[in-house]
Amino acid sequence: MNKLKHLAKHTIDQALHPDTDKECWMAYQVLKVRYPSLTYQSHNGYHCDGLVDYVKGVQWNYDKLLDTKTDEVLLTTDEPFHSMKTEEIVNTWMRVVGETATTKKSWLRKLFR
């Protein structure tokens, strides 16, 4: 099975038979639409254990969002990445990379045109 089919199958599996990382996986899928250079980090090659975007220069490990060049902590979350809900992950990521309520609304309007 090629990589794209494997990814699509995993997305459908997560929607129908949620795994422990469903919230993380769905957040990754939403954010990937907005940030094409975003990728997920995985300890086993299958589950979503963190996020990284080397173009934006942001990496999310456990409860810290870091600058990929300097390792400076940009934000520390109250909960670890894998314990957060999809909406919390998306909102936290977008806030750290500089999105505002206005830019989010503009992006969503473009998606639904």
PDB file of N, CA and C in Angstrom:
ATOM      1  N   MET A   1       0.841  -1.162   0.000  1.00  0.00           N
ATOM      2  CA  MET A   1       0.000   0.000   0.000  1.00  0.00           C
ATOM      3  C   MET A   1       0.901   1.245   0.000  1.00  0.00           C
ATOM      4  N   ASN A   2       0.621   2.172  -0.913  1.00  0.00           N
ATOM      5  CA  ASN A   2       1.472   3.362  -0.960  1.00  0.00           C
ATOM      6  C   ASN A   2       1.188   4.287   0.223  1.00  0.00           C
ATOM      7  N   LYS A   3       2.073   5.238   0.431  1.00  0.00           N
ATOM      8  CA  LYS A   3       2.029   6.106   1.613  1.00  0.00           C
ATOM      9  C   LYS A   3       0.718   6.885   1.704  1.00  0.00           C
ATOM     10  N   LEU A   4       0.233   7.429   0.587  1.00  0.00           N
ATOM     11  CA  LEU A   4      -0.992   8.225   0.595  1.00  0.00           C
ATOM     12  C   LEU A   4      -2.201   7.366   0.960  1.00  0.00           C
ATOM     13  N   LYS A   5      -2.277   6.164   0.421  1.00  0.00           N
ATOM     14  CA  LYS A   5      -3.390   5.276   0.752  1.00  0.00           C
ATOM     15  C   LYS A   5      -3.331   4.869   2.218  1.00  0.00           C
ATOM     16  N   HIS A   6      -2.129   4.654   2.723  1.00  0.00           N
ATOM     17  CA  HIS A   6      -1.955   4.289   4.125  1.00  0.00           C
ATOM     18  C   HIS A   6      -2.441   5.423   5.030  1.00  0.00           C
ATOM     19  N   LEU A   7      -2.092   6.658   4.681  1.00  0.00           N
ATOM     20  CA  LEU A   7      -2.508   7.827   5.438  1.00  0.00           C
ATOM     21  C   LEU A   7      -4.026   7.984   5.400  1.00  0.00           C
ATOM     22  N   ALA A   8      -4.619   7.817   4.222  1.00  0.00           N
ATOM     23  CA  ALA A   8      -6.077   7.924   4.082  1.00  0.00           C
ATOM     24  C   ALA A   8      -6.774   6.838   4.897  1.00  0.00           C
ATOM     25  N   LYS A   9      -6.249   5.638   4.855  1.00  0.00           N
ATOM     26  CA  LYS A   9      -6.838   4.539   5.613  1.00  0.00           C
ATOM     27  C   LYS A   9      -6.782   4.834   7.109  1.00  0.00           C
ATOM     28  N   HIS A  10      -5.657   5.350   7.572  1.00  0.00           N
ATOM     29  CA  HIS A  10      -5.523   5.669   8.993  1.00  0.00           C
ATOM     30  C   HIS A  10      -6.524   6.759   9.401  1.00  0.00           C
ATOM     31  N   THR A  11      -6.723   7.759   8.561  1.00  0.00           N
ATOM     32  CA  THR A  11      -7.675   8.826   8.851  1.00  0.00           C
ATOM     33  C   THR A  11      -9.089   8.271   8.970  1.00  0.00           C
ATOM     34  N   ILE A  12      -9.468   7.419   8.043  1.00  0.00           N
ATOM     35  CA  ILE A  12     -10.799   6.809   8.091  1.00  0.00           C
ATOM     36  C   ILE A  12     -10.925   5.902   9.311  1.00  0.00           C
ATOM     37  N   ASP A  13      -9.895   5.114   9.584  1.00  0.00           N
ATOM     38  CA  ASP A  13      -9.907   4.257  10.779  1.00  0.00           C
ATOM     39  C   ASP A  13     -10.092   5.084  12.045  1.00  0.00           C
ATOM     40  N   GLN A  14      -9.406   6.214  12.127  1.00  0.00           N
ATOM     41  CA  GLN A  14      -9.496   7.059  13.322  1.00  0.00           C
ATOM     42  C   GLN A  14     -10.908   7.624  13.481  1.00  0.00           C
ATOM     43  N   ALA A  15     -11.551   7.952  12.380  1.00  0.00           N
ATOM     44  CA  ALA A  15     -12.907   8.498  12.447  1.00  0.00           C
ATOM     45  C   ALA A  15     -13.920   7.429  12.854  1.00  0.00           C
ATOM     46  N   LEU A  16     -13.731   6.216  12.375  1.00  0.00           N
ATOM     47  CA  LEU A  16     -14.691   5.146  12.638  1.00  0.00           C
ATOM     48  C   LEU A  16     -14.385   4.330  13.884  1.00  0.00           C
ATOM     49  N   HIS A  17     -13.122   4.089  14.143  1.00  0.00           N
ATOM     50  CA  HIS A  17     -12.684   3.288  15.288  1.00  0.00           C
ATOM     51  C   HIS A  17     -11.537   4.023  15.972  1.00  0.00           C
ATOM     52  N   PRO A  18     -11.872   5.027  16.769  1.00  0.00           N
ATOM     53  CA  PRO A  18     -10.839   5.887  17.343  1.00  0.00           C
ATOM     54  C   PRO A  18      -9.778   5.149  18.157  1.00  0.00           C
ATOM     55  N   ASP A  19      -8.563   5.551  17.947  1.00  0.00           N
ATOM     56  CA  ASP A  19      -7.417   5.050  18.696  1.00  0.00           C
ATOM     57  C   ASP A  19      -7.114   6.072  19.799  1.00  0.00           C
ATOM     58  N   THR A  20      -6.137   5.788  20.597  1.00  0.00           N
ATOM     59  CA  THR A  20      -5.799   6.676  21.707  1.00  0.00           C
ATOM     60  C   THR A  20      -5.359   8.063  21.240  1.00  0.00           C
ATOM     61  N   ASP A  21      -4.867   8.179  20.016  1.00  0.00           N
ATOM     62  CA  ASP A  21      -4.395   9.474  19.523  1.00  0.00           C
ATOM     63  C   ASP A  21      -5.377  10.133  18.558  1.00  0.00           C
ATOM     64  N   LYS A  22      -6.648   9.749  18.619  1.00  0.00           N
ATOM     65  CA  LYS A  22      -7.627  10.292  17.675  1.00  0.00           C
ATOM     66  C   LYS A  22      -7.656  11.816  17.690  1.00  0.00           C
ATOM     67  N   GLU A  23      -7.720  12.414  18.872  1.00  0.00           N
ATOM     68  CA  GLU A  23      -7.793  13.880  18.979  1.00  0.00           C
ATOM     69  C   GLU A  23      -6.566  14.529  18.341  1.00  0.00           C
ATOM     70  N   CYS A  24      -5.394  13.961  18.607  1.00  0.00           N
ATOM     71  CA  CYS A  24      -4.139  14.478  18.045  1.00  0.00           C
ATOM     72  C   CYS A  24      -4.127  14.326  16.530  1.00  0.00           C
ATOM     73  N   TRP A  25      -4.555  13.161  16.070  1.00  0.00           N
ATOM     74  CA  TRP A  25      -4.557  12.874  14.634  1.00  0.00           C
ATOM     75  C   TRP A  25      -5.495  13.810  13.891  1.00  0.00           C
ATOM     76  N   MET A  26      -6.682  14.029  14.432  1.00  0.00           N
ATOM     77  CA  MET A  26      -7.649  14.917  13.778  1.00  0.00           C
ATOM     78  C   MET A  26      -7.151  16.360  13.779  1.00  0.00           C
ATOM     79  N   ALA A  27      -6.502  16.774  14.862  1.00  0.00           N
ATOM     80  CA  ALA A  27      -5.921  18.125  14.905  1.00  0.00           C
ATOM     81  C   ALA A  27      -4.850  18.266  13.828  1.00  0.00           C
ATOM     82  N   TYR A  28      -4.032  17.239  13.678  1.00  0.00           N
ATOM     83  CA  TYR A  28      -3.001  17.259  12.637  1.00  0.00           C
ATOM     84  C   TYR A  28      -3.639  17.411  11.259  1.00  0.00           C
ATOM     85  N   GLN A  29      -4.710  16.675  11.004  1.00  0.00           N
ATOM     86  CA  GLN A  29      -5.378  16.736   9.700  1.00  0.00           C
ATOM     87  C   GLN A  29      -5.912  18.141   9.418  1.00  0.00           C
ATOM     88  N   VAL A  30      -6.512  18.775  10.420  1.00  0.00           N
ATOM     89  CA  VAL A  30      -7.037  20.133  10.256  1.00  0.00           C
ATOM     90  C   VAL A  30      -5.895  21.114   9.994  1.00  0.00           C
ATOM     91  N   LEU A  31      -4.863  21.030  10.811  1.00  0.00           N
ATOM     92  CA  LEU A  31      -3.737  21.963  10.682  1.00  0.00           C
ATOM     93  C   LEU A  31      -2.960  21.758   9.384  1.00  0.00           C
ATOM     94  N   LYS A  32      -2.902  20.542   8.899  1.00  0.00           N
ATOM     95  CA  LYS A  32      -2.176  20.234   7.655  1.00  0.00           C
ATOM     96  C   LYS A  32      -2.793  20.970   6.465  1.00  0.00           C
ATOM     97  N   VAL A  33      -4.105  21.207   6.510  1.00  0.00           N
ATOM     98  CA  VAL A  33      -4.771  21.958   5.439  1.00  0.00           C
ATOM     99  C   VAL A  33      -4.263  23.390   5.417  1.00  0.00           C
ATOM    100  N   ARG A  34      -4.105  23.974   6.582  1.00  0.00           N
ATOM    101  CA  ARG A  34      -3.648  25.373   6.688  1.00  0.00           C
ATOM    102  C   ARG A  34      -2.138  25.507   6.509  1.00  0.00           C
ATOM    103  N   TYR A  35      -1.396  24.517   7.018  1.00  0.00           N
ATOM    104  CA  TYR A  35       0.073  24.567   7.003  1.00  0.00           C
ATOM    105  C   TYR A  35       0.609  23.326   6.294  1.00  0.00           C
ATOM    106  N   PRO A  36       0.762  23.380   4.979  1.00  0.00           N
ATOM    107  CA  PRO A  36       1.191  22.203   4.214  1.00  0.00           C
ATOM    108  C   PRO A  36       2.553  21.644   4.620  1.00  0.00           C
ATOM    109  N   SER A  37       3.399  22.460   5.233  1.00  0.00           N
ATOM    110  CA  SER A  37       4.724  21.972   5.630  1.00  0.00           C
ATOM    111  C   SER A  37       4.707  21.299   7.008  1.00  0.00           C
ATOM    112  N   LEU A  38       3.545  21.245   7.642  1.00  0.00           N
ATOM    113  CA  LEU A  38       3.411  20.608   8.950  1.00  0.00           C
ATOM    114  C   LEU A  38       3.537  19.092   8.829  1.00  0.00           C
ATOM    115  N   THR A  39       4.173  18.493   9.789  1.00  0.00           N
ATOM    116  CA  THR A  39       4.233  17.030   9.853  1.00  0.00           C
ATOM    117  C   THR A  39       4.024  16.603  11.299  1.00  0.00           C
ATOM    118  N   TYR A  40       3.686  15.346  11.458  1.00  0.00           N
ATOM    119  CA  TYR A  40       3.514  14.855  12.819  1.00  0.00           C
ATOM    120  C   TYR A  40       4.729  14.048  13.231  1.00  0.00           C
ATOM    121  N   GLN A  41       4.975  14.036  14.526  1.00  0.00           N
ATOM    122  CA  GLN A  41       6.069  13.245  15.081  1.00  0.00           C
ATOM    123  C   GLN A  41       5.461  11.975  15.664  1.00  0.00           C
ATOM    124  N   SER A  42       6.219  10.896  15.576  1.00  0.00           N
ATOM    125  CA  SER A  42       5.696   9.627  16.037  1.00  0.00           C
ATOM    126  C   SER A  42       6.793   8.801  16.682  1.00  0.00           C
ATOM    127  N   HIS A  43       6.461   8.167  17.780  1.00  0.00           N
ATOM    128  CA  HIS A  43       7.418   7.285  18.447  1.00  0.00           C
ATOM    129  C   HIS A  43       7.451   5.909  17.794  1.00  0.00           C
ATOM    130  N   ASN A  44       6.344   5.535  17.151  1.00  0.00           N
ATOM    131  CA  ASN A  44       6.271   4.208  16.550  1.00  0.00           C
ATOM    132  C   ASN A  44       6.014   4.240  15.044  1.00  0.00           C
ATOM    133  N   GLY A  45       6.017   5.433  14.452  1.00  0.00           N
ATOM    134  CA  GLY A  45       5.806   5.553  13.013  1.00  0.00           C
ATOM    135  C   GLY A  45       4.347   5.554  12.601  1.00  0.00           C
ATOM    136  N   TYR A  46       3.438   5.472  13.552  1.00  0.00           N
ATOM    137  CA  TYR A  46       2.020   5.359  13.225  1.00  0.00           C
ATOM    138  C   TYR A  46       1.160   6.356  13.987  1.00  0.00           C
ATOM    139  N   HIS A  47       1.397   6.533  15.271  1.00  0.00           N
ATOM    140  CA  HIS A  47       0.589   7.429  16.081  1.00  0.00           C
ATOM    141  C   HIS A  47       1.150   8.850  16.071  1.00  0.00           C
ATOM    142  N   CYS A  48       0.261   9.818  16.270  1.00  0.00           N
ATOM    143  CA  CYS A  48       0.630  11.232  16.295  1.00  0.00           C
ATOM    144  C   CYS A  48       1.006  11.613  17.727  1.00  0.00           C
ATOM    145  N   ASP A  49       2.301  11.800  17.966  1.00  0.00           N
ATOM    146  CA  ASP A  49       2.801  12.106  19.305  1.00  0.00           C
ATOM    147  C   ASP A  49       3.298  13.539  19.449  1.00  0.00           C
ATOM    148  N   GLY A  50       3.246  14.313  18.387  1.00  0.00           N
ATOM    149  CA  GLY A  50       3.694  15.695  18.418  1.00  0.00           C
ATOM    150  C   GLY A  50       3.590  16.295  17.032  1.00  0.00           C
ATOM    151  N   LEU A  51       3.869  17.572  16.913  1.00  0.00           N
ATOM    152  CA  LEU A  51       3.812  18.276  15.635  1.00  0.00           C
ATOM    153  C   LEU A  51       5.110  19.037  15.418  1.00  0.00           C
ATOM    154  N   VAL A  52       5.471  19.208  14.157  1.00  0.00           N
ATOM    155  CA  VAL A  52       6.628  20.041  13.833  1.00  0.00           C
ATOM    156  C   VAL A  52       6.427  20.654  12.453  1.00  0.00           C
ATOM    157  N   ASP A  53       6.791  21.913  12.337  1.00  0.00           N
ATOM    158  CA  ASP A  53       6.775  22.615  11.059  1.00  0.00           C
ATOM    159  C   ASP A  53       8.096  23.376  10.978  1.00  0.00           C
ATOM    160  N   TYR A  54       9.014  22.855  10.167  1.00  0.00           N
ATOM    161  CA  TYR A  54      10.337  23.467  10.067  1.00  0.00           C
ATOM    162  C   TYR A  54      10.299  24.775   9.288  1.00  0.00           C
ATOM    163  N   VAL A  55       9.276  24.977   8.454  1.00  0.00           N
ATOM    164  CA  VAL A  55       9.133  26.249   7.743  1.00  0.00           C
ATOM    165  C   VAL A  55       8.715  27.334   8.738  1.00  0.00           C
ATOM    166  N   LYS A  56       7.743  27.029   9.582  1.00  0.00           N
ATOM    167  CA  LYS A  56       7.300  27.969  10.615  1.00  0.00           C
ATOM    168  C   LYS A  56       8.285  28.019  11.777  1.00  0.00           C
ATOM    169  N   GLY A  57       9.064  26.958  11.938  1.00  0.00           N
ATOM    170  CA  GLY A  57      10.061  26.917  13.006  1.00  0.00           C
ATOM    171  C   GLY A  57       9.484  26.576  14.369  1.00  0.00           C
ATOM    172  N   VAL A  58       8.438  25.740  14.390  1.00  0.00           N
ATOM    173  CA  VAL A  58       7.778  25.395  15.646  1.00  0.00           C
ATOM    174  C   VAL A  58       7.682  23.882  15.780  1.00  0.00           C
ATOM    175  N   GLN A  59       7.956  23.402  16.982  1.00  0.00           N
ATOM    176  CA  GLN A  59       7.862  21.979  17.287  1.00  0.00           C
ATOM    177  C   GLN A  59       7.115  21.816  18.598  1.00  0.00           C
ATOM    178  N   TRP A  60       6.200  20.841  18.641  1.00  0.00           N
ATOM    179  CA  TRP A  60       5.434  20.588  19.865  1.00  0.00           C
ATOM    180  C   TRP A  60       5.804  19.217  20.387  1.00  0.00           C
ATOM    181  N   ASN A  61       6.473  19.201  21.526  1.00  0.00           N
ATOM    182  CA  ASN A  61       6.844  17.969  22.214  1.00  0.00           C
ATOM    183  C   ASN A  61       6.205  17.968  23.587  1.00  0.00           C
ATOM    184  N   TYR A  62       5.448  16.953  23.880  1.00  0.00           N
ATOM    185  CA  TYR A  62       4.802  16.744  25.170  1.00  0.00           C
ATOM    186  C   TYR A  62       4.026  17.989  25.606  1.00  0.00           C
ATOM    187  N   ASP A  63       4.582  18.839  26.452  1.00  0.00           N
ATOM    188  CA  ASP A  63       3.844  20.025  26.908  1.00  0.00           C
ATOM    189  C   ASP A  63       4.554  21.332  26.554  1.00  0.00           C
ATOM    190  N   LYS A  64       5.475  21.261  25.615  1.00  0.00           N
ATOM    191  CA  LYS A  64       6.230  22.458  25.232  1.00  0.00           C
ATOM    192  C   LYS A  64       6.202  22.671  23.725  1.00  0.00           C
ATOM    193  N   LEU A  65       5.964  23.914  23.338  1.00  0.00           N
ATOM    194  CA  LEU A  65       6.126  24.314  21.949  1.00  0.00           C
ATOM    195  C   LEU A  65       7.450  25.055  21.874  1.00  0.00           C
ATOM    196  N   LEU A  66       8.321  24.605  20.987  1.00  0.00           N
ATOM    197  CA  LEU A  66       9.693  25.097  20.920  1.00  0.00           C
ATOM    198  C   LEU A  66      10.001  25.735  19.578  1.00  0.00           C
ATOM    199  N   ASP A  67      10.926  26.681  19.577  1.00  0.00           N
ATOM    200  CA  ASP A  67      11.501  27.221  18.356  1.00  0.00           C
ATOM    201  C   ASP A  67      12.492  26.167  17.862  1.00  0.00           C
ATOM    202  N   THR A  68      12.347  25.715  16.615  1.00  0.00           N
ATOM    203  CA  THR A  68      13.198  24.628  16.110  1.00  0.00           C
ATOM    204  C   THR A  68      14.655  25.033  15.928  1.00  0.00           C
ATOM    205  N   LYS A  69      14.913  26.316  15.794  1.00  0.00           N
ATOM    206  CA  LYS A  69      16.295  26.761  15.580  1.00  0.00           C
ATOM    207  C   LYS A  69      17.045  27.001  16.887  1.00  0.00           C
ATOM    208  N   THR A  70      16.334  27.531  17.877  1.00  0.00           N
ATOM    209  CA  THR A  70      17.013  27.926  19.119  1.00  0.00           C
ATOM    210  C   THR A  70      16.651  27.053  20.319  1.00  0.00           C
ATOM    211  N   ASP A  71      15.664  26.199  20.178  1.00  0.00           N
ATOM    212  CA  ASP A  71      15.120  25.386  21.281  1.00  0.00           C
ATOM    213  C   ASP A  71      14.505  26.245  22.382  1.00  0.00           C
ATOM    214  N   GLU A  72      14.252  27.514  22.092  1.00  0.00           N
ATOM    215  CA  GLU A  72      13.579  28.391  23.044  1.00  0.00           C
ATOM    216  C   GLU A  72      12.148  27.897  23.246  1.00  0.00           C
ATOM    217  N   VAL A  73      11.687  27.881  24.482  1.00  0.00           N
ATOM    218  CA  VAL A  73      10.312  27.483  24.783  1.00  0.00           C
ATOM    219  C   VAL A  73       9.397  28.653  24.438  1.00  0.00           C
ATOM    220  N   LEU A  74       8.501  28.421  23.474  1.00  0.00           N
ATOM    221  CA  LEU A  74       7.561  29.450  23.055  1.00  0.00           C
ATOM    222  C   LEU A  74       6.315  29.449  23.926  1.00  0.00           C
ATOM    223  N   LEU A  75       5.933  28.249  24.393  1.00  0.00           N
ATOM    224  CA  LEU A  75       4.745  28.110  25.229  1.00  0.00           C
ATOM    225  C   LEU A  75       4.809  26.775  25.950  1.00  0.00           C
ATOM    226  N   THR A  76       4.376  26.765  27.177  1.00  0.00           N
ATOM    227  CA  THR A  76       4.211  25.519  27.930  1.00  0.00           C
ATOM    228  C   THR A  76       2.719  25.344  28.177  1.00  0.00           C
ATOM    229  N   THR A  77       2.192  24.175  27.851  1.00  0.00           N
ATOM    230  CA  THR A  77       0.767  23.914  28.022  1.00  0.00           C
ATOM    231  C   THR A  77       0.493  23.267  29.377  1.00  0.00           C
ATOM    232  N   ASP A  78      -0.724  23.411  29.849  1.00  0.00           N
ATOM    233  CA  ASP A  78      -1.116  22.819  31.129  1.00  0.00           C
ATOM    234  C   ASP A  78      -1.190  21.296  31.034  1.00  0.00           C
ATOM    235  N   GLU A  79      -1.562  20.814  29.860  1.00  0.00           N
ATOM    236  CA  GLU A  79      -1.680  19.373  29.629  1.00  0.00           C
ATOM    237  C   GLU A  79      -0.674  18.950  28.563  1.00  0.00           C
ATOM    238  N   PRO A  80      -0.263  17.686  28.566  1.00  0.00           N
ATOM    239  CA  PRO A  80       0.603  17.210  27.488  1.00  0.00           C
ATOM    240  C   PRO A  80      -0.187  17.094  26.179  1.00  0.00           C
ATOM    241  N   PHE A  81       0.513  17.173  25.073  1.00  0.00           N
ATOM    242  CA  PHE A  81      -0.078  17.127  23.736  1.00  0.00           C
ATOM    243  C   PHE A  81      -1.073  15.980  23.596  1.00  0.00           C
ATOM    244  N   HIS A  82      -0.681  14.789  24.003  1.00  0.00           N
ATOM    245  CA  HIS A  82      -1.519  13.612  23.776  1.00  0.00           C
ATOM    246  C   HIS A  82      -2.776  13.567  24.634  1.00  0.00           C
ATOM    247  N   SER A  83      -2.909  14.472  25.610  1.00  0.00           N
ATOM    248  CA  SER A  83      -4.094  14.505  26.468  1.00  0.00           C
ATOM    249  C   SER A  83      -5.091  15.585  26.059  1.00  0.00           C
ATOM    250  N   MET A  84      -4.736  16.381  25.070  1.00  0.00           N
ATOM    251  CA  MET A  84      -5.576  17.516  24.684  1.00  0.00           C
ATOM    252  C   MET A  84      -6.616  17.114  23.648  1.00  0.00           C
ATOM    253  N   LYS A  85      -7.684  17.886  23.594  1.00  0.00           N
ATOM    254  CA  LYS A  85      -8.737  17.704  22.595  1.00  0.00           C
ATOM    255  C   LYS A  85      -8.305  18.376  21.291  1.00  0.00           C
ATOM    256  N   THR A  86      -8.919  17.951  20.204  1.00  0.00           N
ATOM    257  CA  THR A  86      -8.584  18.474  18.874  1.00  0.00           C
ATOM    258  C   THR A  86      -8.642  19.999  18.839  1.00  0.00           C
ATOM    259  N   GLU A  87      -9.724  20.566  19.335  1.00  0.00           N
ATOM    260  CA  GLU A  87      -9.893  22.023  19.303  1.00  0.00           C
ATOM    261  C   GLU A  87      -8.791  22.735  20.088  1.00  0.00           C
ATOM    262  N   GLU A  88      -8.411  22.191  21.225  1.00  0.00           N
ATOM    263  CA  GLU A  88      -7.348  22.796  22.031  1.00  0.00           C
ATOM    264  C   GLU A  88      -6.018  22.772  21.290  1.00  0.00           C
ATOM    265  N   ILE A  89      -5.725  21.658  20.640  1.00  0.00           N
ATOM    266  CA  ILE A  89      -4.470  21.527  19.878  1.00  0.00           C
ATOM    267  C   ILE A  89      -4.438  22.533  18.746  1.00  0.00           C
ATOM    268  N   VAL A  90      -5.522  22.586  17.974  1.00  0.00           N
ATOM    269  CA  VAL A  90      -5.585  23.502  16.823  1.00  0.00           C
ATOM    270  C   VAL A  90      -5.454  24.948  17.283  1.00  0.00           C
ATOM    271  N   ASN A  91      -6.211  25.330  18.296  1.00  0.00           N
ATOM    272  CA  ASN A  91      -6.163  26.715  18.769  1.00  0.00           C
ATOM    273  C   ASN A  91      -4.796  27.086  19.340  1.00  0.00           C
ATOM    274  N   THR A  92      -4.189  26.178  20.075  1.00  0.00           N
ATOM    275  CA  THR A  92      -2.862  26.447  20.653  1.00  0.00           C
ATOM    276  C   THR A  92      -1.829  26.615  19.551  1.00  0.00           C
ATOM    277  N   TRP A  93      -1.822  25.701  18.591  1.00  0.00           N
ATOM    278  CA  TRP A  93      -0.848  25.769  17.492  1.00  0.00           C
ATOM    279  C   TRP A  93      -1.011  27.071  16.710  1.00  0.00           C
ATOM    280  N   MET A  94      -2.254  27.393  16.358  1.00  0.00           N
ATOM    281  CA  MET A  94      -2.498  28.589  15.551  1.00  0.00           C
ATOM    282  C   MET A  94      -2.105  29.857  16.307  1.00  0.00           C
ATOM    283  N   ARG A  95      -2.331  29.885  17.612  1.00  0.00           N
ATOM    284  CA  ARG A  95      -1.939  31.051  18.412  1.00  0.00           C
ATOM    285  C   ARG A  95      -0.419  31.211  18.418  1.00  0.00           C
ATOM    286  N   VAL A  96       0.299  30.110  18.588  1.00  0.00           N
ATOM    287  CA  VAL A  96       1.763  30.170  18.671  1.00  0.00           C
ATOM    288  C   VAL A  96       2.385  30.592  17.341  1.00  0.00           C
ATOM    289  N   VAL A  97       1.792  30.184  16.218  1.00  0.00           N
ATOM    290  CA  VAL A  97       2.370  30.572  14.924  1.00  0.00           C
ATOM    291  C   VAL A  97       1.868  31.931  14.438  1.00  0.00           C
ATOM    292  N   GLY A  98       1.093  32.622  15.278  1.00  0.00           N
ATOM    293  CA  GLY A  98       0.739  34.005  14.970  1.00  0.00           C
ATOM    294  C   GLY A  98      -0.624  34.242  14.363  1.00  0.00           C
ATOM    295  N   GLU A  99      -1.481  33.245  14.363  1.00  0.00           N
ATOM    296  CA  GLU A  99      -2.835  33.452  13.828  1.00  0.00           C
ATOM    297  C   GLU A  99      -3.648  34.276  14.816  1.00  0.00           C
ATOM    298  N   THR A 100      -4.573  35.041  14.281  1.00  0.00           N
ATOM    299  CA  THR A 100      -5.510  35.817  15.094  1.00  0.00           C
ATOM    300  C   THR A 100      -6.924  35.335  14.770  1.00  0.00           C
ATOM    301  N   ALA A 101      -7.886  35.797  15.521  1.00  0.00           N
ATOM    302  CA  ALA A 101      -9.282  35.436  15.245  1.00  0.00           C
ATOM    303  C   ALA A 101      -9.658  35.856  13.818  1.00  0.00           C
ATOM    304  N   THR A 102      -9.162  36.996  13.388  1.00  0.00           N
ATOM    305  CA  THR A 102      -9.464  37.496  12.041  1.00  0.00           C
ATOM    306  C   THR A 102      -8.863  36.601  10.964  1.00  0.00           C
ATOM    307  N   THR A 103      -7.607  36.193  11.120  1.00  0.00           N
ATOM    308  CA  THR A 103      -6.986  35.354  10.086  1.00  0.00           C
ATOM    309  C   THR A 103      -7.604  33.956  10.064  1.00  0.00           C
ATOM    310  N   LYS A 104      -8.026  33.455  11.231  1.00  0.00           N
ATOM    311  CA  LYS A 104      -8.700  32.152  11.275  1.00  0.00           C
ATOM    312  C   LYS A 104     -10.023  32.209  10.522  1.00  0.00           C
ATOM    313  N   LYS A 105     -10.815  33.263  10.783  1.00  0.00           N
ATOM    314  CA  LYS A 105     -12.109  33.406  10.111  1.00  0.00           C
ATOM    315  C   LYS A 105     -11.928  33.544   8.607  1.00  0.00           C
ATOM    316  N   SER A 106     -10.947  34.312   8.204  1.00  0.00           N
ATOM    317  CA  SER A 106     -10.664  34.491   6.779  1.00  0.00           C
ATOM    318  C   SER A 106     -10.306  33.153   6.115  1.00  0.00           C
ATOM    319  N   TRP A 107      -9.490  32.385   6.780  1.00  0.00           N
ATOM    320  CA  TRP A 107      -9.086  31.054   6.265  1.00  0.00           C
ATOM    321  C   TRP A 107     -10.305  30.152   6.127  1.00  0.00           C
ATOM    322  N   LEU A 108     -11.160  30.116   7.150  1.00  0.00           N
ATOM    323  CA  LEU A 108     -12.352  29.264   7.110  1.00  0.00           C
ATOM    324  C   LEU A 108     -13.314  29.692   6.004  1.00  0.00           C
ATOM    325  N   ARG A 109     -13.467  30.984   5.812  1.00  0.00           N
ATOM    326  CA  ARG A 109     -14.341  31.456   4.716  1.00  0.00           C
ATOM    327  C   ARG A 109     -13.832  30.985   3.358  1.00  0.00           C
ATOM    328  N   LYS A 110     -12.515  31.047   3.161  1.00  0.00           N
ATOM    329  CA  LYS A 110     -11.923  30.581   1.903  1.00  0.00           C
ATOM    330  C   LYS A 110     -12.163  29.093   1.690  1.00  0.00           C
ATOM    331  N   LEU A 111     -12.086  28.317   2.778  1.00  0.00           N
ATOM    332  CA  LEU A 111     -12.300  26.874   2.673  1.00  0.00           C
ATOM    333  C   LEU A 111     -13.708  26.526   2.230  1.00  0.00           C
ATOM    334  N   PHE A 112     -14.685  27.293   2.676  1.00  0.00           N
ATOM    335  CA  PHE A 112     -16.082  26.959   2.417  1.00  0.00           C
ATOM    336  C   PHE A 112     -16.692  27.713   1.252  1.00  0.00           C
ATOM    337  N   ARG A 113     -15.884  28.323   0.431  1.00  0.00           N
ATOM    338  CA  ARG A 113     -16.392  28.989  -0.778  1.00  0.00           C
ATOM    339  C   ARG A 113     -16.584  28.015  -1.877  1.00  0.00           C
TER     340      ARG A 113
END
